[in-house]
Full PDB file with SEQRES, HELIX, SHEET, SSBOND, CRYST1, ORIGX, SCALE, CONECT and MASTER records, all heavy atoms in Angstrom:
SEQRES   1 A   42  PHE THR GLU ASN THR LEU SER SER ARG ARG ASN LEU ARG          
SEQRES   2 A   42  SER LYS ILE GLU ARG ARG SER LEU ALA ILE ASN GLU ASP          
SEQRES   3 A   42  PHE LEU SER ALA PHE ARG GLU VAL LYS SER SER LEU ASP          
SEQRES   4 A   42  ASP ILE TYR                                                  
HELIX    1 AA1 LEU A    6  ILE A   41  1                                  36    
CRYST1    1.000    1.000    1.000  90.00  90.00  90.00 P 1           1          
ORIGX1      1.000000  0.000000  0.000000        0.00000                         
ORIGX2      0.000000  1.000000  0.000000        0.00000                         
ORIGX3      0.000000  0.000000  1.000000        0.00000                         
SCALE1      1.000000  0.000000  0.000000        0.00000                         
SCALE2      0.000000  1.000000  0.000000        0.00000                         
SCALE3      0.000000  0.000000  1.000000        0.00000                         
ATOM      1  N   PHE A   1      56.628 -19.170  15.057  1.00  0.00           N  
ATOM      2  CA  PHE A   1      56.075 -20.404  15.658  1.00  0.00           C  
ATOM      3  C   PHE A   1      57.245 -21.165  16.279  1.00  0.00           C  
ATOM      4  O   PHE A   1      57.853 -22.044  15.681  1.00  0.00           O  
ATOM      5  CB  PHE A   1      55.373 -21.235  14.577  1.00  0.00           C  
ATOM      6  CG  PHE A   1      54.600 -22.397  15.122  1.00  0.00           C  
ATOM      7  CD1 PHE A   1      53.377 -22.193  15.775  1.00  0.00           C  
ATOM      8  CD2 PHE A   1      55.082 -23.705  15.020  1.00  0.00           C  
ATOM      9  CE1 PHE A   1      52.669 -23.271  16.277  1.00  0.00           C  
ATOM     10  CE2 PHE A   1      54.360 -24.769  15.529  1.00  0.00           C  
ATOM     11  CZ  PHE A   1      53.160 -24.567  16.161  1.00  0.00           C  
ATOM     12  N   THR A   2      57.523 -20.766  17.502  1.00  0.00           N  
ATOM     13  CA  THR A   2      58.710 -21.319  18.181  1.00  0.00           C  
ATOM     14  C   THR A   2      58.371 -22.536  19.057  1.00  0.00           C  
ATOM     15  O   THR A   2      59.238 -23.381  19.319  1.00  0.00           O  
ATOM     16  CB  THR A   2      59.364 -20.242  19.042  1.00  0.00           C  
ATOM     17  OG1 THR A   2      58.390 -19.742  19.959  1.00  0.00           O  
ATOM     18  CG2 THR A   2      59.899 -19.104  18.162  1.00  0.00           C  
ATOM     19  N   GLU A   3      57.142 -22.629  19.530  1.00  0.00           N  
ATOM     20  CA  GLU A   3      56.741 -23.724  20.410  1.00  0.00           C  
ATOM     21  C   GLU A   3      55.618 -24.530  19.760  1.00  0.00           C  
ATOM     22  O   GLU A   3      54.598 -23.955  19.359  1.00  0.00           O  
ATOM     23  CB  GLU A   3      56.264 -23.181  21.743  1.00  0.00           C  
ATOM     24  CG  GLU A   3      57.362 -22.480  22.526  1.00  0.00           C  
ATOM     25  CD  GLU A   3      56.849 -21.952  23.859  1.00  0.00           C  
ATOM     26  OE1 GLU A   3      55.631 -22.135  24.134  1.00  0.00           O  
ATOM     27  OE2 GLU A   3      57.636 -21.361  24.608  1.00  0.00           O  
ATOM     28  N   ASN A   4      55.845 -25.827  19.646  1.00  0.00           N  
ATOM     29  CA  ASN A   4      54.840 -26.708  19.033  1.00  0.00           C  
ATOM     30  C   ASN A   4      53.937 -27.268  20.130  1.00  0.00           C  
ATOM     31  O   ASN A   4      54.040 -28.428  20.520  1.00  0.00           O  
ATOM     32  CB  ASN A   4      55.539 -27.827  18.253  1.00  0.00           C  
ATOM     33  CG  ASN A   4      54.541 -28.653  17.434  1.00  0.00           C  
ATOM     34  OD1 ASN A   4      53.367 -28.283  17.311  1.00  0.00           O  
ATOM     35  ND2 ASN A   4      55.000 -29.774  16.902  1.00  0.00           N  
ATOM     36  N   THR A   5      53.070 -26.412  20.617  1.00  0.00           N  
ATOM     37  CA  THR A   5      52.147 -26.812  21.669  1.00  0.00           C  
ATOM     38  C   THR A   5      50.731 -26.737  21.125  1.00  0.00           C  
ATOM     39  O   THR A   5      50.488 -26.204  20.034  1.00  0.00           O  
ATOM     40  CB  THR A   5      52.283 -25.892  22.897  1.00  0.00           C  
ATOM     41  OG1 THR A   5      51.964 -24.566  22.499  1.00  0.00           O  
ATOM     42  CG2 THR A   5      53.705 -25.950  23.473  1.00  0.00           C  
ATOM     43  N   LEU A   6      49.806 -27.293  21.927  1.00  0.00           N  
ATOM     44  CA  LEU A   6      48.420 -27.289  21.519  1.00  0.00           C  
ATOM     45  C   LEU A   6      47.885 -25.885  21.400  1.00  0.00           C  
ATOM     46  O   LEU A   6      47.176 -25.545  20.448  1.00  0.00           O  
ATOM     47  CB  LEU A   6      47.582 -28.115  22.513  1.00  0.00           C  
ATOM     48  CG  LEU A   6      46.068 -28.201  22.217  1.00  0.00           C  
ATOM     49  CD1 LEU A   6      45.845 -28.883  20.865  1.00  0.00           C  
ATOM     50  CD2 LEU A   6      45.339 -28.950  23.354  1.00  0.00           C  
ATOM     51  N   SER A   7      48.233 -25.073  22.380  1.00  0.00           N  
ATOM     52  CA  SER A   7      47.777 -23.689  22.358  1.00  0.00           C  
ATOM     53  C   SER A   7      48.342 -22.942  21.138  1.00  0.00           C  
ATOM     54  O   SER A   7      47.658 -22.161  20.469  1.00  0.00           O  
ATOM     55  CB  SER A   7      48.198 -22.983  23.642  1.00  0.00           C  
ATOM     56  OG  SER A   7      47.825 -21.625  23.606  1.00  0.00           O  
ATOM     57  N   SER A   8      49.631 -23.215  20.843  1.00  0.00           N  
ATOM     58  CA  SER A   8      50.259 -22.537  19.704  1.00  0.00           C  
ATOM     59  C   SER A   8      49.623 -22.969  18.391  1.00  0.00           C  
ATOM     60  O   SER A   8      49.426 -22.146  17.472  1.00  0.00           O  
ATOM     61  CB  SER A   8      51.760 -22.847  19.684  1.00  0.00           C  
ATOM     62  OG  SER A   8      52.371 -22.352  20.862  1.00  0.00           O  
ATOM     63  N   ARG A   9      49.339 -24.265  18.297  1.00  0.00           N  
ATOM     64  CA  ARG A   9      48.738 -24.751  17.079  1.00  0.00           C  
ATOM     65  C   ARG A   9      47.350 -24.177  16.889  1.00  0.00           C  
ATOM     66  O   ARG A   9      46.922 -23.878  15.773  1.00  0.00           O  
ATOM     67  CB  ARG A   9      48.710 -26.274  17.067  1.00  0.00           C  
ATOM     68  CG  ARG A   9      50.091 -26.911  16.879  1.00  0.00           C  
ATOM     69  CD  ARG A   9      49.968 -28.396  16.539  1.00  0.00           C  
ATOM     70  NE  ARG A   9      49.351 -29.154  17.623  1.00  0.00           N  
ATOM     71  CZ  ARG A   9      49.986 -29.707  18.647  1.00  0.00           C  
ATOM     72  NH1 ARG A   9      51.297 -29.587  18.735  1.00  0.00           N  
ATOM     73  NH2 ARG A   9      49.324 -30.406  19.589  1.00  0.00           N  
ATOM     74  N   ARG A  10      46.585 -24.039  18.007  1.00  0.00           N  
ATOM     75  CA  ARG A  10      45.259 -23.460  17.913  1.00  0.00           C  
ATOM     76  C   ARG A  10      45.298 -21.977  17.501  1.00  0.00           C  
ATOM     77  O   ARG A  10      44.407 -21.510  16.793  1.00  0.00           O  
ATOM     78  CB  ARG A  10      44.519 -23.625  19.248  1.00  0.00           C  
ATOM     79  CG  ARG A  10      44.131 -25.075  19.533  1.00  0.00           C  
ATOM     80  CD  ARG A  10      43.451 -25.163  20.880  1.00  0.00           C  
ATOM     81  NE  ARG A  10      43.020 -26.538  21.139  1.00  0.00           N  
ATOM     82  CZ  ARG A  10      42.453 -26.939  22.296  1.00  0.00           C  
ATOM     83  NH1 ARG A  10      42.231 -26.049  23.273  1.00  0.00           N  
ATOM     84  NH2 ARG A  10      42.081 -28.219  22.478  1.00  0.00           N  
ATOM     85  N   ASN A  11      46.263 -21.324  18.010  1.00  0.00           N  
ATOM     86  CA  ASN A  11      46.365 -19.851  17.721  1.00  0.00           C  
ATOM     87  C   ASN A  11      47.207 -19.538  16.464  1.00  0.00           C  
ATOM     88  O   ASN A  11      47.500 -18.361  16.178  1.00  0.00           O  
ATOM     89  CB  ASN A  11      46.970 -19.134  18.916  1.00  0.00           C  
ATOM     90  CG  ASN A  11      46.093 -19.233  20.160  1.00  0.00           C  
ATOM     91  OD1 ASN A  11      44.863 -19.243  20.046  1.00  0.00           O  
ATOM     92  ND2 ASN A  11      46.709 -19.296  21.318  1.00  0.00           N  
ATOM     93  N   LEU A  12      47.652 -20.612  15.801  1.00  0.00           N  
ATOM     94  CA  LEU A  12      48.523 -20.382  14.636  1.00  0.00           C  
ATOM     95  C   LEU A  12      47.811 -19.570  13.552  1.00  0.00           C  
ATOM     96  O   LEU A  12      48.373 -18.628  12.979  1.00  0.00           O  
ATOM     97  CB  LEU A  12      49.014 -21.729  14.081  1.00  0.00           C  
ATOM     98  CG  LEU A  12      49.878 -21.643  12.827  1.00  0.00           C  
ATOM     99  CD1 LEU A  12      51.154 -20.842  13.128  1.00  0.00           C  
ATOM    100  CD2 LEU A  12      50.236 -23.051  12.335  1.00  0.00           C  
ATOM    101  N   ARG A  13      46.561 -19.954  13.305  1.00  0.00           N  
ATOM    102  CA  ARG A  13      45.830 -19.259  12.233  1.00  0.00           C  
ATOM    103  C   ARG A  13      45.672 -17.770  12.543  1.00  0.00           C  
ATOM    104  O   ARG A  13      45.901 -16.910  11.684  1.00  0.00           O  
ATOM    105  CB  ARG A  13      44.459 -19.905  12.041  1.00  0.00           C  
ATOM    106  CG  ARG A  13      43.655 -19.329  10.883  1.00  0.00           C  
ATOM    107  CD  ARG A  13      42.306 -20.011  10.768  1.00  0.00           C  
ATOM    108  NE  ARG A  13      41.567 -19.515   9.642  1.00  0.00           N  
ATOM    109  CZ  ARG A  13      41.659 -19.975   8.408  1.00  0.00           C  
ATOM    110  NH1 ARG A  13      42.486 -20.993   8.153  1.00  0.00           N  
ATOM    111  NH2 ARG A  13      40.953 -19.446   7.441  1.00  0.00           N  
ATOM    112  N   SER A  14      45.304 -17.493  13.794  1.00  0.00           N  
ATOM    113  CA  SER A  14      45.123 -16.069  14.166  1.00  0.00           C  
ATOM    114  C   SER A  14      46.454 -15.312  14.130  1.00  0.00           C  
ATOM    115  O   SER A  14      46.522 -14.140  13.723  1.00  0.00           O  
ATOM    116  CB  SER A  14      44.493 -15.974  15.559  1.00  0.00           C  
ATOM    117  OG  SER A  14      45.331 -16.598  16.538  1.00  0.00           O  
ATOM    118  N   LYS A  15      47.517 -15.982  14.521  1.00  0.00           N  
ATOM    119  CA  LYS A  15      48.833 -15.335  14.461  1.00  0.00           C  
ATOM    120  C   LYS A  15      49.224 -15.006  13.017  1.00  0.00           C  
ATOM    121  O   LYS A  15      49.745 -13.938  12.718  1.00  0.00           O  
ATOM    122  CB  LYS A  15      49.894 -16.238  15.098  1.00  0.00           C  
ATOM    123  CG  LYS A  15      49.849 -16.279  16.608  1.00  0.00           C  
ATOM    124  CD  LYS A  15      51.005 -17.124  17.160  1.00  0.00           C  
ATOM    125  CE  LYS A  15      50.982 -17.145  18.687  1.00  0.00           C  
ATOM    126  NZ  LYS A  15      52.111 -17.946  19.241  1.00  0.00           N  
ATOM    127  N   ILE A  16      48.945 -16.021  12.149  1.00  0.00           N  
ATOM    128  CA  ILE A  16      49.280 -15.792  10.739  1.00  0.00           C  
ATOM    129  C   ILE A  16      48.473 -14.621  10.185  1.00  0.00           C  
ATOM    130  O   ILE A  16      48.988 -13.757   9.463  1.00  0.00           O  
ATOM    131  CB  ILE A  16      49.042 -17.071   9.924  1.00  0.00           C  
ATOM    132  CG1 ILE A  16      50.059 -18.160  10.330  1.00  0.00           C  
ATOM    133  CG2 ILE A  16      49.164 -16.799   8.432  1.00  0.00           C  
ATOM    134  CD1 ILE A  16      49.816 -19.519   9.701  1.00  0.00           C  
ATOM    135  N   GLU A  17      47.191 -14.584  10.575  1.00  0.00           N  
ATOM    136  CA  GLU A  17      46.350 -13.498  10.080  1.00  0.00           C  
ATOM    137  C   GLU A  17      46.820 -12.146  10.624  1.00  0.00           C  
ATOM    138  O   GLU A  17      46.874 -11.142   9.905  1.00  0.00           O  
ATOM    139  CB  GLU A  17      44.891 -13.757  10.447  1.00  0.00           C  
ATOM    140  CG  GLU A  17      44.288 -14.930   9.677  1.00  0.00           C  
ATOM    141  CD  GLU A  17      42.864 -15.224  10.117  1.00  0.00           C  
ATOM    142  OE1 GLU A  17      42.448 -14.578  11.116  1.00  0.00           O  
ATOM    143  OE2 GLU A  17      42.195 -16.038   9.470  1.00  0.00           O  
ATOM    144  N   ARG A  18      47.136 -12.142  11.964  1.00  0.00           N  
ATOM    145  CA  ARG A  18      47.623 -10.884  12.531  1.00  0.00           C  
ATOM    146  C   ARG A  18      48.956 -10.448  11.902  1.00  0.00           C  
ATOM    147  O   ARG A  18      49.192  -9.269  11.640  1.00  0.00           O  
ATOM    148  CB  ARG A  18      47.773 -11.036  14.050  1.00  0.00           C  
ATOM    149  CG  ARG A  18      46.451 -11.050  14.795  1.00  0.00           C  
ATOM    150  CD  ARG A  18      46.676 -10.813  16.275  1.00  0.00           C  
ATOM    151  NE  ARG A  18      47.510 -11.857  16.858  1.00  0.00           N  
ATOM    152  CZ  ARG A  18      47.029 -12.989  17.387  1.00  0.00           C  
ATOM    153  NH1 ARG A  18      45.719 -13.225  17.379  1.00  0.00           N  
ATOM    154  NH2 ARG A  18      47.846 -13.886  17.910  1.00  0.00           N  
ATOM    155  N   ARG A  19      49.824 -11.456  11.674  1.00  0.00           N  
ATOM    156  CA  ARG A  19      51.127 -11.110  11.064  1.00  0.00           C  
ATOM    157  C   ARG A  19      50.911 -10.600   9.634  1.00  0.00           C  
ATOM    158  O   ARG A  19      51.559  -9.645   9.195  1.00  0.00           O  
ATOM    159  CB  ARG A  19      52.029 -12.342  11.054  1.00  0.00           C  
ATOM    160  CG  ARG A  19      53.432 -12.046  10.531  1.00  0.00           C  
ATOM    161  CD  ARG A  19      54.345 -13.242  10.761  1.00  0.00           C  
ATOM    162  NE  ARG A  19      55.673 -12.965  10.244  1.00  0.00           N  
ATOM    163  CZ  ARG A  19      56.588 -12.259  10.865  1.00  0.00           C  
ATOM    164  NH1 ARG A  19      56.333 -11.744  12.070  1.00  0.00           N  
ATOM    165  NH2 ARG A  19      57.778 -12.068  10.339  1.00  0.00           N  
ATOM    166  N   SER A  20      49.986 -11.280   8.928  1.00  0.00           N  
ATOM    167  CA  SER A  20      49.699 -10.807   7.564  1.00  0.00           C  
ATOM    168  C   SER A  20      49.144  -9.390   7.572  1.00  0.00           C  
ATOM    169  O   SER A  20      49.503  -8.539   6.752  1.00  0.00           O  
ATOM    170  CB  SER A  20      48.714 -11.776   6.894  1.00  0.00           C  
ATOM    171  OG  SER A  20      48.380 -11.285   5.599  1.00  0.00           O  
ATOM    172  N   LEU A  21      48.257  -9.140   8.585  1.00  0.00           N  
ATOM    173  CA  LEU A  21      47.703  -7.790   8.697  1.00  0.00           C  
ATOM    174  C   LEU A  21      48.783  -6.767   9.019  1.00  0.00           C  
ATOM    175  O   LEU A  21      48.807  -5.651   8.459  1.00  0.00           O  
ATOM    176  CB  LEU A  21      46.615  -7.796   9.784  1.00  0.00           C  
ATOM    177  CG  LEU A  21      45.922  -6.452  10.036  1.00  0.00           C  
ATOM    178  CD1 LEU A  21      45.210  -5.976   8.773  1.00  0.00           C  
ATOM    179  CD2 LEU A  21      44.935  -6.578  11.203  1.00  0.00           C  
ATOM    180  N   ALA A  22      49.711  -7.155   9.909  1.00  0.00           N  
ATOM    181  CA  ALA A  22      50.809  -6.221  10.264  1.00  0.00           C  
ATOM    182  C   ALA A  22      51.696  -5.951   9.056  1.00  0.00           C  
ATOM    183  O   ALA A  22      52.133  -4.804   8.808  1.00  0.00           O  
ATOM    184  CB  ALA A  22      51.625  -6.813  11.419  1.00  0.00           C  
ATOM    185  N   ILE A  23      51.959  -7.058   8.313  1.00  0.00           N  
ATOM    186  CA  ILE A  23      52.797  -6.872   7.108  1.00  0.00           C  
ATOM    187  C   ILE A  23      52.099  -5.949   6.116  1.00  0.00           C  
ATOM    188  O   ILE A  23      52.716  -5.051   5.527  1.00  0.00           O  
ATOM    189  CB  ILE A  23      53.108  -8.242   6.480  1.00  0.00           C  
ATOM    190  CG1 ILE A  23      54.042  -9.046   7.402  1.00  0.00           C  
ATOM    191  CG2 ILE A  23      53.735  -8.069   5.111  1.00  0.00           C  
ATOM    192  CD1 ILE A  23      54.271 -10.474   6.968  1.00  0.00           C  
ATOM    193  N   ASN A  24      50.757  -6.168   5.945  1.00  0.00           N  
ATOM    194  CA  ASN A  24      50.007  -5.302   5.013  1.00  0.00           C  
ATOM    195  C   ASN A  24      49.994  -3.845   5.470  1.00  0.00           C  
ATOM    196  O   ASN A  24      50.081  -2.915   4.670  1.00  0.00           O  
ATOM    197  CB  ASN A  24      48.587  -5.825   4.850  1.00  0.00           C  
ATOM    198  CG  ASN A  24      48.548  -7.142   4.067  1.00  0.00           C  
ATOM    199  OD1 ASN A  24      49.426  -7.388   3.235  1.00  0.00           O  
ATOM    200  ND2 ASN A  24      47.545  -7.977   4.330  1.00  0.00           N  
ATOM    201  N   GLU A  25      49.844  -3.692   6.838  1.00  0.00           N  
ATOM    202  CA  GLU A  25      49.864  -2.315   7.361  1.00  0.00           C  
ATOM    203  C   GLU A  25      51.227  -1.655   7.128  1.00  0.00           C  
ATOM    204  O   GLU A  25      51.319  -0.473   6.768  1.00  0.00           O  
ATOM    205  CB  GLU A  25      49.516  -2.330   8.847  1.00  0.00           C  
ATOM    206  CG  GLU A  25      48.047  -2.639   9.104  1.00  0.00           C  
ATOM    207  CD  GLU A  25      47.730  -2.701  10.585  1.00  0.00           C  
ATOM    208  OE1 GLU A  25      48.707  -2.656  11.378  1.00  0.00           O  
ATOM    209  OE2 GLU A  25      46.555  -2.768  10.944  1.00  0.00           O  
ATOM    210  N   ASP A  26      52.290  -2.456   7.375  1.00  0.00           N  
ATOM    211  CA  ASP A  26      53.646  -1.915   7.112  1.00  0.00           C  
ATOM    212  C   ASP A  26      53.808  -1.558   5.631  1.00  0.00           C  
ATOM    213  O   ASP A  26      54.369  -0.507   5.289  1.00  0.00           O  
ATOM    214  CB  ASP A  26      54.710  -2.931   7.528  1.00  0.00           C  
ATOM    215  CG  ASP A  26      54.752  -3.145   9.033  1.00  0.00           C  
ATOM    216  OD1 ASP A  26      54.257  -2.245   9.750  1.00  0.00           O  
ATOM    217  OD2 ASP A  26      55.282  -4.179   9.473  1.00  0.00           O  
ATOM    218  N   PHE A  27      53.307  -2.487   4.793  1.00  0.00           N  
ATOM    219  CA  PHE A  27      53.383  -2.221   3.349  1.00  0.00           C  
ATOM    220  C   PHE A  27      52.591  -0.968   2.963  1.00  0.00           C  
ATOM    221  O   PHE A  27      53.022  -0.139   2.167  1.00  0.00           O  
ATOM    222  CB  PHE A  27      52.883  -3.455   2.579  1.00  0.00           C  
ATOM    223  CG  PHE A  27      52.854  -3.257   1.098  1.00  0.00           C  
ATOM    224  CD1 PHE A  27      54.024  -3.333   0.349  1.00  0.00           C  
ATOM    225  CD2 PHE A  27      51.647  -2.975   0.452  1.00  0.00           C  
ATOM    226  CE1 PHE A  27      53.979  -3.146  -1.013  1.00  0.00           C  
ATOM    227  CE2 PHE A  27      51.624  -2.769  -0.909  1.00  0.00           C  
ATOM    228  CZ  PHE A  27      52.788  -2.858  -1.658  1.00  0.00           C  
ATOM    229  N   LEU A  28      51.388  -0.855   3.603  1.00  0.00           N  
ATOM    230  CA  LEU A  28      50.550   0.307   3.309  1.00  0.00           C  
ATOM    231  C   LEU A  28      51.226   1.604   3.765  1.00  0.00           C  
ATOM    232  O   LEU A  28      51.193   2.623   3.062  1.00  0.00           O  
ATOM    233  CB  LEU A  28      49.187   0.136   3.982  1.00  0.00           C  
ATOM    234  CG  LEU A  28      48.177   1.267   3.751  1.00  0.00           C  
ATOM    235  CD1 LEU A  28      47.875   1.415   2.259  1.00  0.00           C  
ATOM    236  CD2 LEU A  28      46.908   1.021   4.539  1.00  0.00           C  
ATOM    237  N   SER A  29      51.869   1.527   4.953  1.00  0.00           N  
ATOM    238  CA  SER A  29      52.571   2.725   5.450  1.00  0.00           C  
ATOM    239  C   SER A  29      53.728   3.094   4.528  1.00  0.00           C  
ATOM    240  O   SER A  29      53.938   4.275   4.189  1.00  0.00           O  
ATOM    241  CB  SER A  29      53.079   2.456   6.882  1.00  0.00           C  
ATOM    242  OG  SER A  29      53.814   3.561   7.349  1.00  0.00           O  
ATOM    243  N   ALA A  30      54.474   2.042   4.153  1.00  0.00           N  
ATOM    244  CA  ALA A  30      55.596   2.317   3.245  1.00  0.00           C  
ATOM    245  C   ALA A  30      55.102   2.832   1.896  1.00  0.00           C  
ATOM    246  O   ALA A  30      55.691   3.733   1.292  1.00  0.00           O  
ATOM    247  CB  ALA A  30      56.432   1.044   3.065  1.00  0.00           C  
ATOM    248  N   PHE A  31      53.972   2.256   1.447  1.00  0.00           N  
ATOM    249  CA  PHE A  31      53.440   2.691   0.152  1.00  0.00           C  
ATOM    250  C   PHE A  31      52.928   4.136   0.212  1.00  0.00           C  
ATOM    251  O   PHE A  31      52.985   4.856  -0.769  1.00  0.00           O  
ATOM    252  CB  PHE A  31      52.318   1.736  -0.268  1.00  0.00           C  
ATOM    253  CG  PHE A  31      51.849   1.963  -1.656  1.00  0.00           C  
ATOM    254  CD1 PHE A  31      52.605   1.509  -2.738  1.00  0.00           C  
ATOM    255  CD2 PHE A  31      50.655   2.629  -1.901  1.00  0.00           C  
ATOM    256  CE1 PHE A  31      52.174   1.728  -4.025  1.00  0.00           C  
ATOM    257  CE2 PHE A  31      50.229   2.848  -3.192  1.00  0.00           C  
ATOM    258  CZ  PHE A  31      50.984   2.400  -4.260  1.00  0.00           C  
ATOM    259  N   ARG A  32      52.386   4.514   1.444  1.00  0.00           N  
ATOM    260  CA  ARG A  32      51.964   5.903   1.606  1.00  0.00           C  
ATOM    261  C   ARG A  32      53.154   6.854   1.405  1.00  0.00           C  
ATOM    262  O   ARG A  32      53.047   7.903   0.775  1.00  0.00           O  
ATOM    263  CB  ARG A  32      51.353   6.112   2.985  1.00  0.00           C  
ATOM    264  CG  ARG A  32      49.947   5.567   3.135  1.00  0.00           C  
ATOM    265  CD  ARG A  32      49.297   6.158   4.366  1.00  0.00           C  
ATOM    266  NE  ARG A  32      48.000   5.539   4.622  1.00  0.00           N  
ATOM    267  CZ  ARG A  32      47.800   4.548   5.485  1.00  0.00           C  
ATOM    268  NH1 ARG A  32      48.831   4.048   6.164  1.00  0.00           N  
ATOM    269  NH2 ARG A  32      46.590   4.050   5.650  1.00  0.00           N  
ATOM    270  N   GLU A  33      54.286   6.475   2.001  1.00  0.00           N  
ATOM    271  CA  GLU A  33      55.485   7.310   1.836  1.00  0.00           C  
ATOM    272  C   GLU A  33      55.910   7.373   0.370  1.00  0.00           C  
ATOM    273  O   GLU A  33      56.278   8.433  -0.146  1.00  0.00           O  
ATOM    274  CB  GLU A  33      56.620   6.758   2.700  1.00  0.00           C  
ATOM    275  CG  GLU A  33      56.339   6.850   4.185  1.00  0.00           C  
ATOM    276  CD  GLU A  33      57.479   6.284   5.009  1.00  0.00           C  
ATOM    277  OE1 GLU A  33      58.470   5.812   4.403  1.00  0.00           O  
ATOM    278  OE2 GLU A  33      57.391   6.312   6.251  1.00  0.00           O  
ATOM    279  N   VAL A  34      55.827   6.166  -0.265  1.00  0.00           N  
ATOM    280  CA  VAL A  34      56.187   6.148  -1.692  1.00  0.00           C  
ATOM    281  C   VAL A  34      55.232   7.013  -2.490  1.00  0.00           C  
ATOM    282  O   VAL A  34      55.627   7.785  -3.371  1.00  0.00           O  
ATOM    283  CB  VAL A  34      56.188   4.695  -2.219  1.00  0.00           C  
ATOM    284  CG1 VAL A  34      56.389   4.675  -3.727  1.00  0.00           C  
ATOM    285  CG2 VAL A  34      57.279   3.884  -1.538  1.00  0.00           C  
ATOM    286  N   LYS A  35      53.907   6.874  -2.142  1.00  0.00           N  
ATOM    287  CA  LYS A  35      52.911   7.679  -2.854  1.00  0.00           C  
ATOM    288  C   LYS A  35      53.141   9.171  -2.621  1.00  0.00           C  
ATOM    289  O   LYS A  35      53.017  10.000  -3.538  1.00  0.00           O  
ATOM    290  CB  LYS A  35      51.516   7.275  -2.410  1.00  0.00           C  
ATOM    291  CG  LYS A  35      50.399   8.038  -3.138  1.00  0.00           C  
ATOM    292  CD  LYS A  35      49.050   7.573  -2.671  1.00  0.00           C  
ATOM    293  CE  LYS A  35      47.940   8.325  -3.430  1.00  0.00           C  
ATOM    294  NZ  LYS A  35      48.002   9.770  -3.193  1.00  0.00           N  
ATOM    295  N   SER A  36      53.462   9.482  -1.321  1.00  0.00           N  
ATOM    296  CA  SER A  36      53.736  10.903  -1.036  1.00  0.00           C  
ATOM    297  C   SER A  36      54.933  11.404  -1.836  1.00  0.00           C  
ATOM    298  O   SER A  36      54.913  12.513  -2.393  1.00  0.00           O  
ATOM    299  CB  SER A  36      53.978  11.076   0.467  1.00  0.00           C  
ATOM    300  OG  SER A  36      54.285  12.429   0.767  1.00  0.00           O  
ATOM    301  N   SER A  37      55.975  10.552  -1.888  1.00  0.00           N  
ATOM    302  CA  SER A  37      57.151  10.936  -2.678  1.00  0.00           C  
ATOM    303  C   SER A  37      56.809  11.074  -4.153  1.00  0.00           C  
ATOM    304  O   SER A  37      57.242  12.012  -4.838  1.00  0.00           O  
ATOM    305  CB  SER A  37      58.271   9.901  -2.490  1.00  0.00           C  
ATOM    306  OG  SER A  37      58.667   9.821  -1.134  1.00  0.00           O  
ATOM    307  N   LEU A  38      55.964  10.107  -4.640  1.00  0.00           N  
ATOM    308  CA  LEU A  38      55.562  10.181  -6.041  1.00  0.00           C  
ATOM    309  C   LEU A  38      54.706  11.407  -6.315  1.00  0.00           C  
ATOM    310  O   LEU A  38      54.811  12.034  -7.373  1.00  0.00           O  
ATOM    311  CB  LEU A  38      54.797   8.908  -6.425  1.00  0.00           C  
ATOM    312  CG  LEU A  38      55.643   7.635  -6.520  1.00  0.00           C  
ATOM    313  CD1 LEU A  38      54.742   6.416  -6.796  1.00  0.00           C  
ATOM    314  CD2 LEU A  38      56.703   7.757  -7.604  1.00  0.00           C  
ATOM    315  N   ASP A  39      53.853  11.750  -5.323  1.00  0.00           N  
ATOM    316  CA  ASP A  39      53.057  12.975  -5.486  1.00  0.00           C  
ATOM    317  C   ASP A  39      53.955  14.206  -5.566  1.00  0.00           C  
ATOM    318  O   ASP A  39      53.724  15.121  -6.386  1.00  0.00           O  
ATOM    319  CB  ASP A  39      52.064  13.116  -4.323  1.00  0.00           C  
ATOM    320  CG  ASP A  39      50.946  12.070  -4.392  1.00  0.00           C  
ATOM    321  OD1 ASP A  39      50.722  11.530  -5.511  1.00  0.00           O  
ATOM    322  OD2 ASP A  39      50.314  11.807  -3.353  1.00  0.00           O  
ATOM    323  N   ASP A  40      54.976  14.231  -4.673  1.00  0.00           N  
ATOM    324  CA  ASP A  40      55.925  15.354  -4.718  1.00  0.00           C  
ATOM    325  C   ASP A  40      56.642  15.400  -6.055  1.00  0.00           C  
ATOM    326  O   ASP A  40      56.817  16.485  -6.661  1.00  0.00           O  
ATOM    327  CB  ASP A  40      56.933  15.228  -3.565  1.00  0.00           C  
ATOM    328  CG  ASP A  40      56.276  15.386  -2.203  1.00  0.00           C  
ATOM    329  OD1 ASP A  40      55.169  15.971  -2.157  1.00  0.00           O  
ATOM    330  OD2 ASP A  40      56.857  14.923  -1.205  1.00  0.00           O  
ATOM    331  N   ILE A  41      57.039  14.178  -6.506  1.00  0.00           N  
ATOM    332  CA  ILE A  41      57.726  14.135  -7.813  1.00  0.00           C  
ATOM    333  C   ILE A  41      56.792  14.594  -8.916  1.00  0.00           C  
ATOM    334  O   ILE A  41      57.187  15.321  -9.841  1.00  0.00           O  
ATOM    335  CB  ILE A  41      58.246  12.704  -8.082  1.00  0.00           C  
ATOM    336  CG1 ILE A  41      59.351  12.344  -7.091  1.00  0.00           C  
ATOM    337  CG2 ILE A  41      58.757  12.584  -9.516  1.00  0.00           C  
ATOM    338  CD1 ILE A  41      59.813  10.908  -7.184  1.00  0.00           C  
ATOM    339  N   TYR A  42      55.505  14.165  -8.805  1.00  0.00           N  
ATOM    340  CA  TYR A  42      54.526  14.577  -9.806  1.00  0.00           C  
ATOM    341  C   TYR A  42      54.365  16.098  -9.822  1.00  0.00           C  
ATOM    342  O   TYR A  42      54.312  16.726 -10.896  1.00  0.00           O  
ATOM    343  CB  TYR A  42      53.184  13.897  -9.523  1.00  0.00           C  
ATOM    344  CG  TYR A  42      52.067  14.394 -10.410  1.00  0.00           C  
ATOM    345  CD1 TYR A  42      51.965  13.975 -11.735  1.00  0.00           C  
ATOM    346  CD2 TYR A  42      51.114  15.290  -9.916  1.00  0.00           C  
ATOM    347  CE1 TYR A  42      50.954  14.441 -12.544  1.00  0.00           C  
ATOM    348  CE2 TYR A  42      50.102  15.760 -10.722  1.00  0.00           C  
ATOM    349  CZ  TYR A  42      50.017  15.328 -12.040  1.00  0.00           C  
ATOM    350  OH  TYR A  42      49.011  15.802 -12.840  1.00  0.00           O  
TER     351      TYR A  42                                                      
MASTER        0    0    0    1    0    0    0    6  350    1    0    4          
END                                                                             
């Protein structure tokens, strides 16, 4: 959130949600690798 404008404030919620979704997807991807590694270890 670099610009404090009306448009930015309106889209803040959607940005936060999209960023949260991206973080979750990254976490899920990383967890898949961990799970794959754990499966190999298993």
